Amino acid sequence: ENIAEAILVLKDGSLLPQHKLTSKHCDLLVANHLKQQGAGFATDTNVVTILTQTNQIQLPCMNKRDVSVEIWKQLMQLAEAKGA
């Protein structure tokens, strides 16, 4: 089994990413909330939701480096759970 990360932009704030997580056979998906203040590509901060098959973690507006650390932590937890 592979651990995959996909980045998905939420257009209306709905949790369509859960469907993408299943349809793309991903273990982890990061949904980027572009319409929220402090999120997006032209800022140093971001607002995301990390989705796995069993969990949804809504991160507050935070530095993009800190977001990447949280994503990495979730990837490591998935790898440990799979015995990788």
N, C-alpha and C. Protein backbone atom coordinates (compact mmCIF):
# COMPACT_ATOMS: atom_id res chain seq x y z
N GLU A 1 0.83 -1.18 0.00
CA GLU A 1 0.00 0.00 0.00
C GLU A 1 0.87 1.24 0.00
N ASN A 2 0.46 2.23 -0.74
CA ASN A 2 1.20 3.48 -0.82
C ASN A 2 0.53 4.55 0.03
N ILE A 3 1.35 5.42 0.55
CA ILE A 3 0.83 6.61 1.22
C ILE A 3 0.96 7.73 0.22
N ALA A 4 -0.15 8.35 -0.11
CA ALA A 4 -0.14 9.41 -1.12
C ALA A 4 -0.66 10.70 -0.51
N GLU A 5 -0.13 11.79 -0.97
CA GLU A 5 -0.63 13.10 -0.56
C GLU A 5 -1.13 13.81 -1.80
N ALA A 6 -2.31 14.39 -1.70
CA ALA A 6 -2.86 15.16 -2.79
C ALA A 6 -3.30 16.51 -2.24
N ILE A 7 -3.16 17.54 -3.02
CA ILE A 7 -3.60 18.86 -2.60
C ILE A 7 -4.84 19.20 -3.41
N LEU A 8 -5.89 19.57 -2.71
CA LEU A 8 -7.16 19.88 -3.35
C LEU A 8 -7.64 21.22 -2.86
N VAL A 9 -8.05 22.06 -3.76
CA VAL A 9 -8.58 23.38 -3.41
C VAL A 9 -10.08 23.26 -3.20
N LEU A 10 -10.56 23.71 -2.05
CA LEU A 10 -11.99 23.73 -1.78
C LEU A 10 -12.59 24.96 -2.43
N LYS A 11 -13.63 24.80 -3.22
CA LYS A 11 -14.25 25.94 -3.89
C LYS A 11 -15.35 26.56 -3.04
N ASP A 12 -16.10 25.74 -2.31
CA ASP A 12 -17.23 26.27 -1.56
C ASP A 12 -17.19 25.88 -0.08
N GLY A 13 -16.08 25.35 0.38
CA GLY A 13 -15.97 24.98 1.79
C GLY A 13 -16.56 23.62 2.10
N SER A 14 -17.12 22.93 1.12
CA SER A 14 -17.71 21.62 1.38
C SER A 14 -16.61 20.58 1.51
N LEU A 15 -16.98 19.40 1.98
CA LEU A 15 -15.99 18.35 2.16
C LEU A 15 -15.99 17.37 1.00
N LEU A 16 -16.04 17.90 -0.21
CA LEU A 16 -15.86 17.10 -1.42
C LEU A 16 -14.53 16.33 -1.37
N PRO A 17 -13.51 16.84 -0.68
CA PRO A 17 -12.24 16.10 -0.63
C PRO A 17 -12.39 14.67 -0.11
N GLN A 18 -13.36 14.41 0.76
CA GLN A 18 -13.54 13.05 1.27
C GLN A 18 -13.84 12.10 0.11
N HIS A 19 -14.63 12.54 -0.86
CA HIS A 19 -14.90 11.74 -2.05
C HIS A 19 -13.61 11.54 -2.86
N LYS A 20 -12.83 12.61 -3.01
CA LYS A 20 -11.56 12.52 -3.75
C LYS A 20 -10.61 11.55 -3.07
N LEU A 21 -10.58 11.57 -1.75
CA LEU A 21 -9.72 10.68 -0.99
C LEU A 21 -10.02 9.23 -1.36
N THR A 22 -11.29 8.89 -1.45
CA THR A 22 -11.70 7.54 -1.80
C THR A 22 -11.48 7.24 -3.28
N SER A 23 -11.90 8.17 -4.14
CA SER A 23 -11.84 7.90 -5.58
C SER A 23 -10.40 7.83 -6.10
N LYS A 24 -9.48 8.53 -5.47
CA LYS A 24 -8.09 8.51 -5.91
C LYS A 24 -7.26 7.49 -5.12
N HIS A 25 -7.90 6.77 -4.21
CA HIS A 25 -7.24 5.74 -3.41
C HIS A 25 -6.06 6.30 -2.63
N CYS A 26 -6.26 7.48 -2.08
CA CYS A 26 -5.22 8.13 -1.26
C CYS A 26 -5.39 7.75 0.20
N ASP A 27 -4.31 7.79 0.91
CA ASP A 27 -4.35 7.61 2.35
C ASP A 27 -4.47 8.94 3.08
N LEU A 28 -4.04 10.01 2.41
CA LEU A 28 -4.06 11.33 3.02
C LEU A 28 -4.29 12.37 1.94
N LEU A 29 -5.12 13.35 2.27
CA LEU A 29 -5.41 14.42 1.32
C LEU A 29 -5.40 15.73 2.09
N VAL A 30 -4.86 16.78 1.51
CA VAL A 30 -4.82 18.10 2.14
C VAL A 30 -5.73 19.03 1.34
N ALA A 31 -6.77 19.53 2.00
CA ALA A 31 -7.70 20.46 1.37
C ALA A 31 -7.32 21.87 1.76
N ASN A 32 -7.08 22.70 0.78
CA ASN A 32 -6.65 24.08 0.97
C ASN A 32 -7.87 24.99 0.91
N HIS A 33 -8.12 25.75 1.97
CA HIS A 33 -9.29 26.63 2.05
C HIS A 33 -8.93 28.02 1.53
N LEU A 34 -8.96 28.21 0.24
CA LEU A 34 -8.49 29.44 -0.37
C LEU A 34 -9.32 30.68 -0.05
N LYS A 35 -10.58 30.52 0.26
CA LYS A 35 -11.43 31.68 0.49
C LYS A 35 -11.32 32.23 1.91
N GLN A 36 -10.61 31.54 2.79
CA GLN A 36 -10.47 32.04 4.15
C GLN A 36 -9.29 33.00 4.24
N GLN A 37 -9.44 34.01 5.07
CA GLN A 37 -8.39 34.99 5.23
C GLN A 37 -7.12 34.32 5.75
N GLY A 38 -5.99 34.67 5.15
CA GLY A 38 -4.71 34.09 5.55
C GLY A 38 -4.35 32.83 4.79
N ALA A 39 -5.22 32.40 3.88
CA ALA A 39 -4.97 31.18 3.11
C ALA A 39 -4.65 31.55 1.67
N GLY A 40 -4.02 30.63 0.98
CA GLY A 40 -3.79 30.84 -0.44
C GLY A 40 -2.33 30.80 -0.84
N PHE A 41 -2.09 31.12 -2.08
CA PHE A 41 -0.76 30.97 -2.65
C PHE A 41 0.11 32.21 -2.50
N ALA A 42 -0.49 33.38 -2.30
CA ALA A 42 0.28 34.62 -2.24
C ALA A 42 0.51 35.09 -0.80
N THR A 43 0.39 34.17 0.17
CA THR A 43 0.59 34.51 1.57
C THR A 43 1.62 33.59 2.19
N ASP A 44 2.09 33.95 3.39
CA ASP A 44 3.02 33.09 4.13
C ASP A 44 2.29 32.13 5.04
N THR A 45 0.95 32.24 5.08
CA THR A 45 0.15 31.38 5.94
C THR A 45 -0.84 30.59 5.08
N ASN A 46 -1.47 29.62 5.72
CA ASN A 46 -2.46 28.81 5.02
C ASN A 46 -3.46 28.26 6.02
N VAL A 47 -4.62 27.86 5.51
CA VAL A 47 -5.67 27.21 6.29
C VAL A 47 -6.03 25.94 5.54
N VAL A 48 -5.84 24.79 6.17
CA VAL A 48 -6.09 23.52 5.49
C VAL A 48 -6.82 22.56 6.41
N THR A 49 -7.39 21.55 5.78
CA THR A 49 -7.92 20.39 6.48
C THR A 49 -7.15 19.18 5.97
N ILE A 50 -6.64 18.38 6.89
CA ILE A 50 -5.95 17.14 6.55
C ILE A 50 -6.97 16.02 6.72
N LEU A 51 -7.20 15.27 5.65
CA LEU A 51 -8.15 14.17 5.70
C LEU A 51 -7.45 12.84 5.52
N THR A 52 -7.84 11.88 6.33
CA THR A 52 -7.42 10.50 6.14
C THR A 52 -8.70 9.67 6.05
N GLN A 53 -8.57 8.38 5.89
CA GLN A 53 -9.75 7.53 5.80
C GLN A 53 -10.56 7.55 7.10
N THR A 54 -9.92 7.88 8.23
CA THR A 54 -10.59 7.81 9.52
C THR A 54 -10.62 9.13 10.29
N ASN A 55 -10.02 10.19 9.75
CA ASN A 55 -9.86 11.40 10.53
C ASN A 55 -9.91 12.65 9.66
N GLN A 56 -10.38 13.75 10.24
CA GLN A 56 -10.32 15.06 9.61
C GLN A 56 -9.72 16.03 10.62
N ILE A 57 -8.63 16.66 10.25
CA ILE A 57 -7.95 17.59 11.15
C ILE A 57 -7.98 18.98 10.52
N GLN A 58 -8.75 19.87 11.11
CA GLN A 58 -8.85 21.25 10.64
C GLN A 58 -7.75 22.06 11.31
N LEU A 59 -6.79 22.55 10.52
CA LEU A 59 -5.73 23.36 11.08
C LEU A 59 -6.14 24.83 11.03
N PRO A 60 -5.78 25.59 12.05
CA PRO A 60 -6.06 27.03 12.02
C PRO A 60 -5.13 27.72 11.03
N CYS A 61 -5.34 29.00 10.82
CA CYS A 61 -4.42 29.78 9.99
C CYS A 61 -3.04 29.71 10.62
N MET A 62 -2.07 29.20 9.87
CA MET A 62 -0.72 29.06 10.41
C MET A 62 0.31 29.18 9.31
N ASN A 63 1.54 29.41 9.71
CA ASN A 63 2.67 29.50 8.80
C ASN A 63 2.73 28.25 7.94
N LYS A 64 3.04 28.41 6.65
CA LYS A 64 3.07 27.27 5.73
C LYS A 64 4.08 26.21 6.15
N ARG A 65 5.18 26.63 6.75
CA ARG A 65 6.16 25.66 7.25
C ARG A 65 5.53 24.79 8.34
N ASP A 66 4.78 25.42 9.24
CA ASP A 66 4.12 24.68 10.30
C ASP A 66 3.06 23.73 9.74
N VAL A 67 2.37 24.17 8.69
CA VAL A 67 1.40 23.30 8.02
C VAL A 67 2.11 22.06 7.48
N SER A 68 3.28 22.27 6.87
CA SER A 68 4.01 21.13 6.30
C SER A 68 4.45 20.16 7.40
N VAL A 69 4.80 20.68 8.56
CA VAL A 69 5.19 19.83 9.70
C VAL A 69 3.99 18.97 10.12
N GLU A 70 2.80 19.59 10.19
CA GLU A 70 1.61 18.83 10.57
C GLU A 70 1.28 17.75 9.54
N ILE A 71 1.43 18.07 8.27
CA ILE A 71 1.21 17.07 7.22
C ILE A 71 2.19 15.92 7.38
N TRP A 72 3.45 16.26 7.61
CA TRP A 72 4.48 15.23 7.79
C TRP A 72 4.16 14.34 8.99
N LYS A 73 3.70 14.92 10.08
CA LYS A 73 3.34 14.12 11.27
C LYS A 73 2.25 13.12 10.92
N GLN A 74 1.25 13.58 10.17
CA GLN A 74 0.16 12.67 9.79
C GLN A 74 0.66 11.56 8.86
N LEU A 75 1.54 11.90 7.93
CA LEU A 75 2.11 10.89 7.05
C LEU A 75 2.90 9.85 7.84
N MET A 76 3.65 10.30 8.83
CA MET A 76 4.44 9.37 9.66
C MET A 76 3.51 8.46 10.47
N GLN A 77 2.43 9.01 11.00
CA GLN A 77 1.47 8.19 11.73
C GLN A 77 0.85 7.12 10.83
N LEU A 78 0.51 7.51 9.61
CA LEU A 78 -0.04 6.53 8.66
C LEU A 78 0.98 5.46 8.34
N ALA A 79 2.24 5.85 8.13
CA ALA A 79 3.28 4.87 7.82
C ALA A 79 3.47 3.91 8.99
N GLU A 80 3.47 4.42 10.20
CA GLU A 80 3.62 3.55 11.38
C GLU A 80 2.46 2.59 11.50
N ALA A 81 1.24 3.08 11.25
CA ALA A 81 0.05 2.23 11.34
C ALA A 81 0.09 1.12 10.28
N LYS A 82 0.72 1.39 9.15
CA LYS A 82 0.82 0.40 8.07
C LYS A 82 2.06 -0.48 8.21
N GLY A 83 2.86 -0.19 9.22
CA GLY A 83 4.06 -1.00 9.44
C GLY A 83 5.20 -0.66 8.51
N ALA A 84 5.18 0.54 7.94
CA ALA A 84 6.24 0.94 7.00
C ALA A 84 7.46 1.46 7.74
